[in-house]
Protein backbone atom coordinates (compact mmCIF):
# COMPACT_ATOMS: atom_id res chain seq x y z
CA MET A 1 16.64 7.68 14.29
CA SER A 2 17.56 10.49 12.34
CA GLY A 3 17.20 14.13 13.28
CA SER A 4 15.14 15.01 9.91
CA ALA A 5 12.28 12.26 10.48
CA ARG A 6 11.96 13.20 14.96
CA ARG A 7 11.84 16.86 13.71
CA GLU A 8 8.20 17.67 14.37
CA ARG A 9 5.83 17.57 11.50
CA ARG A 10 2.18 18.07 11.41
CA PHE A 11 0.25 16.51 8.14
CA LEU A 12 -3.27 14.84 7.70
CA PHE A 13 -2.47 10.44 5.77
CA ILE A 14 -5.47 9.02 4.50
CA ARG A 15 -4.99 5.17 3.77
CA HIS A 16 -7.05 4.21 0.48
CA GLY A 17 -10.24 2.89 0.18
CA GLU A 18 -11.31 -0.35 0.01
CA THR A 19 -10.29 -3.01 -2.67
CA ASP A 20 -11.73 -6.21 -3.58
CA TRP A 21 -8.56 -7.72 -1.95
CA ASN A 22 -9.35 -6.24 0.93
CA ALA A 23 -12.67 -6.85 1.41
CA GLU A 24 -11.50 -10.49 0.35
CA GLY A 25 -8.33 -10.53 3.09
CA ARG A 26 -5.91 -10.61 0.22
CA LEU A 27 -2.20 -9.89 0.40
CA GLN A 28 -2.57 -6.44 -1.76
CA GLY A 29 1.68 -4.82 -0.96
CA GLN A 30 1.97 -3.64 -4.13
CA LYS A 31 -0.92 -5.64 -6.79
CA ASP A 32 -2.51 -2.91 -8.76
CA ILE A 33 -6.15 -3.61 -7.41
CA PRO A 34 -8.51 -0.98 -7.33
CA LEU A 35 -10.81 0.35 -5.25
CA ASN A 36 -14.41 -1.14 -5.16
CA GLN A 37 -17.70 0.80 -4.46
CA VAL A 38 -17.42 0.14 -1.23
CA GLY A 39 -13.62 1.89 -1.22
CA GLN A 40 -15.02 4.87 -3.36
CA ASP A 41 -17.56 6.00 -0.54
CA GLN A 42 -14.58 5.75 1.43
CA ALA A 43 -12.27 7.95 -0.57
CA ALA A 44 -14.99 10.55 -0.62
CA SER A 45 -15.16 10.79 3.05
CA SER A 46 -11.58 10.32 3.79
CA GLY A 47 -11.34 13.53 1.76
CA ARG A 48 -14.81 15.70 3.34
CA ARG A 49 -13.61 14.61 6.94
CA ALA A 50 -9.85 16.22 6.06
CA LEU A 51 -11.69 18.99 5.04
CA GLY A 52 -13.45 19.44 7.87
CA VAL A 53 -10.52 18.58 10.59
CA LEU A 54 -8.56 21.95 8.34
CA LYS A 55 -11.20 23.92 9.03
CA ARG A 56 -11.62 22.89 12.96
CA ASP A 57 -7.56 23.47 12.81
CA GLY A 58 -8.20 26.84 10.86
CA GLY A 59 -5.96 25.26 8.25
CA ASP A 60 -5.88 27.58 4.13
CA LEU A 61 -6.93 24.13 1.79
CA SER A 62 -5.47 26.72 -1.02
CA GLN A 63 -2.19 26.38 0.75
CA CYS A 64 -2.40 22.28 1.24
CA ARG A 65 0.07 20.58 -0.76
CA PHE A 66 -1.50 17.06 -1.63
CA VAL A 67 0.94 13.93 -2.52
CA SER A 68 -0.33 10.13 -2.98
CA SER A 69 1.56 6.78 -3.87
CA PRO A 70 1.53 6.02 -7.10
CA LEU A 71 -0.41 3.06 -7.10
CA GLY A 72 -3.29 2.62 -9.02
CA ARG A 73 -6.36 2.50 -5.19
CA THR A 74 -4.44 5.78 -3.72
CA CYS A 75 -4.25 7.69 -7.16
CA GLU A 76 -7.46 7.08 -6.74
CA THR A 77 -9.05 7.79 -3.65
CA MET A 78 -7.16 11.01 -3.58
CA ARG A 79 -8.82 11.97 -6.59
CA LEU A 80 -11.98 10.86 -5.07
CA ALA A 81 -11.07 12.64 -1.81
CA ARG A 82 -10.23 15.89 -3.76
CA LEU A 83 -13.34 16.42 -5.88
CA ALA A 84 -15.56 15.88 -2.22
CA MET A 85 -13.22 19.19 -0.73
CA GLY A 86 -14.17 20.68 -4.71
CA LEU A 87 -10.93 20.61 -5.80
CA ASP A 88 -9.66 20.14 -9.43
CA PRO A 89 -9.18 16.42 -8.68
CA ASP A 90 -6.14 15.44 -10.80
CA THR A 91 -4.14 18.55 -9.76
CA TYR A 92 -1.77 16.19 -6.29
CA ASP A 93 1.89 15.01 -6.77
CA ARG A 94 2.66 11.34 -6.98
CA ASP A 95 6.14 10.01 -4.99
CA GLU A 96 7.78 6.53 -4.92
CA ARG A 97 8.82 5.85 -1.82
CA LEU A 98 5.01 6.45 -0.41
CA ARG A 99 4.03 3.07 -2.20
CA GLU A 100 2.67 0.16 0.48
CA PHE A 101 5.59 -2.68 1.38
CA SER A 102 6.23 -5.63 -0.91
CA PHE A 103 4.33 -9.13 0.17
CA GLY A 104 6.93 -11.19 -2.55
CA ASP A 105 5.84 -13.93 -3.41
CA TRP A 106 2.37 -13.94 -0.93
CA GLU A 107 0.87 -11.02 -2.57
CA GLY A 108 -2.49 -12.39 -4.14
CA LEU A 109 -2.30 -14.90 -0.60
CA THR A 110 -4.48 -14.66 2.18
CA TRP A 111 -2.69 -15.71 5.40
CA ALA A 112 -5.01 -18.24 5.91
CA ASP A 113 -2.95 -19.03 2.82
CA VAL A 114 0.69 -18.60 3.65
CA LYS A 115 -0.70 -20.59 6.95
CA LEU A 116 -0.86 -23.97 5.14
CA ARG A 117 2.59 -23.25 2.80
CA CYS A 118 4.78 -21.72 5.40
CA PRO A 119 4.01 -22.44 8.95
CA ASP A 120 8.31 -21.88 9.69
CA LEU A 121 8.25 -18.62 7.97
CA ILE A 122 4.61 -17.06 9.86
CA ARG A 123 5.80 -18.65 13.64
CA GLU A 124 9.62 -16.63 12.27
CA ARG A 125 7.37 -13.54 11.39
CA ARG A 126 5.14 -13.36 14.72
CA ARG A 127 8.50 -13.03 16.60
CA ASP A 128 9.83 -10.13 15.04
CA LYS A 129 7.05 -8.87 12.74
CA TRP A 130 9.46 -5.71 12.09
CA HIS A 131 12.25 -6.53 10.31
CA PHE A 132 10.31 -9.52 9.17
CA VAL A 133 11.11 -10.03 5.50
CA PRO A 134 8.43 -12.38 3.31
CA PRO A 135 10.18 -13.97 0.14
CA GLY A 136 10.73 -11.81 -2.30
CA GLY A 137 9.18 -8.82 -0.46
CA GLU A 138 10.29 -6.07 2.16
CA SER A 139 10.45 -5.54 5.37
CA TYR A 140 8.74 -3.05 7.56
CA ALA A 141 12.44 -1.43 7.65
CA MET A 142 12.71 -1.59 4.73
CA LEU A 143 9.54 0.38 4.02
CA ALA A 144 10.44 2.80 7.11
CA GLU A 145 14.65 4.10 5.22
CA ARG A 146 12.39 3.84 2.44
CA VAL A 147 9.96 6.16 3.79
CA ARG A 148 12.53 8.21 6.18
CA PRO A 149 13.85 10.64 3.27
CA TRP A 150 10.58 12.01 1.69
CA LEU A 151 10.01 13.45 5.56
CA ASP A 152 12.38 15.44 4.07
CA THR A 153 10.17 17.26 1.40
CA LEU A 154 6.88 18.15 4.16
CA SER A 155 6.50 21.79 4.72
CA ASN A 156 3.81 21.52 7.47
CA GLY A 157 0.45 20.90 5.58
CA GLU A 158 0.03 17.94 3.52
CA ILE A 159 -2.19 15.73 2.79
CA VAL A 160 -1.13 12.10 1.87
CA VAL A 161 -3.03 9.17 0.25
CA SER A 162 -1.33 6.16 0.85
CA HIS A 163 -0.95 2.96 2.60
CA GLY A 164 -1.38 0.50 6.12
CA GLY A 165 2.17 -0.19 6.17
CA VAL A 166 3.42 3.06 5.51
CA ALA A 167 1.26 4.44 7.51
CA ARG A 168 2.53 2.11 10.01
CA ALA A 169 6.76 3.14 8.85
CA LEU A 170 5.30 6.74 10.68
CA MET A 171 3.85 5.55 13.41
CA VAL A 172 7.27 4.98 14.43
CA LEU A 173 9.94 7.85 12.71
CA VAL A 174 7.32 10.54 13.85
CA GLY A 175 4.69 9.45 16.53
CA GLY A 176 7.36 8.01 18.41
CA LEU A 177 5.51 4.41 18.32
CA SER A 178 7.50 1.63 19.41
CA THR A 179 8.24 -0.67 15.92
CA LEU A 180 7.10 -3.93 18.86
CA ALA A 181 3.71 -1.73 18.34
CA ALA A 182 3.48 -0.49 15.71
CA PRO A 183 2.99 -3.44 13.26
CA ASN A 184 -0.25 -4.57 15.22
CA ILE A 185 -2.27 -0.91 15.21
CA GLU A 186 -5.16 -1.44 12.55
CA ILE A 187 -4.84 1.33 10.18
CA THR A 188 -8.73 2.05 9.33
CA GLN A 189 -10.07 2.93 5.45
CA GLY A 190 -11.84 6.07 5.55
CA ARG A 191 -10.37 7.63 8.18
CA VAL A 192 -8.32 10.31 8.76
CA LEU A 193 -4.84 10.19 10.89
CA LYS A 194 -3.17 13.54 11.93
CA PHE A 195 -0.07 13.94 12.19
CA GLU A 196 1.47 16.14 14.94
CA ARG A 197 3.54 17.19 17.52
CA ASN A 198 5.77 14.03 16.97
CA SER A 199 2.05 12.53 17.72
CA PHE A 200 -0.54 10.91 15.51
CA ALA A 201 -4.68 10.60 16.01
CA TRP A 202 -7.31 9.80 14.58
CA ALA A 203 -9.17 13.25 13.28
C-alpha cells in the first residue's frame, strides 16, 4: 500500500441515494439509474447530516471542496445535498475515478439471477470477493487501484459523493480495513461516513 494512500486524510463520504434498481436488488455498477423519491429524500438528508457534522467539528463550509462520481445518481445526490446545505447545487467537481466498479455482464440482474446463470462463478466469488472479476467487469482490487491516485488530490476538507464499492475501497486504502472484511460491509444510503485519523465511522 502506497504511502500517499496511507497518509492521514479527513473527509466526509456520502453514498448516492436509492434508485429503483437498489430497491429491486439489481446490480447497478456503471449503469446510469436515476434516484427514486426515497433516494431524493436520502440525498437531502445526507446533506443536512454532513452540514451538522461539519459544524460540530468546527469546520468551515465555505472552505470545503465538493467532488462527485460523474454518474447521474451521484450527481443528483450531490445537487440535492448541496441544496439542503443552502449552496448552489451545481458548483462541485466530478472525477471519473470515483465511478462505481463495473459488474459487466451482470449489470441489471439480481443476485438470484446470477446464482441461477453462473453458479460456478458465484462459488469463485465467495472464495475471494476482493479479487473476483465479474464477466466483463471489475474487481474491488481493480477499483481500489483506480481510486488510489485520487487520494493524492485531497486537501483534508472534501465532501465526496460516490458509490458503495468506492466506499469499501476507501475503507481499505484509508481506513485500514482488511480486504477480506471490506466487501461484506453494508454501506448505508442517506447517512455520512467520516474518514479521519486513518479510520472511519458513521456520522
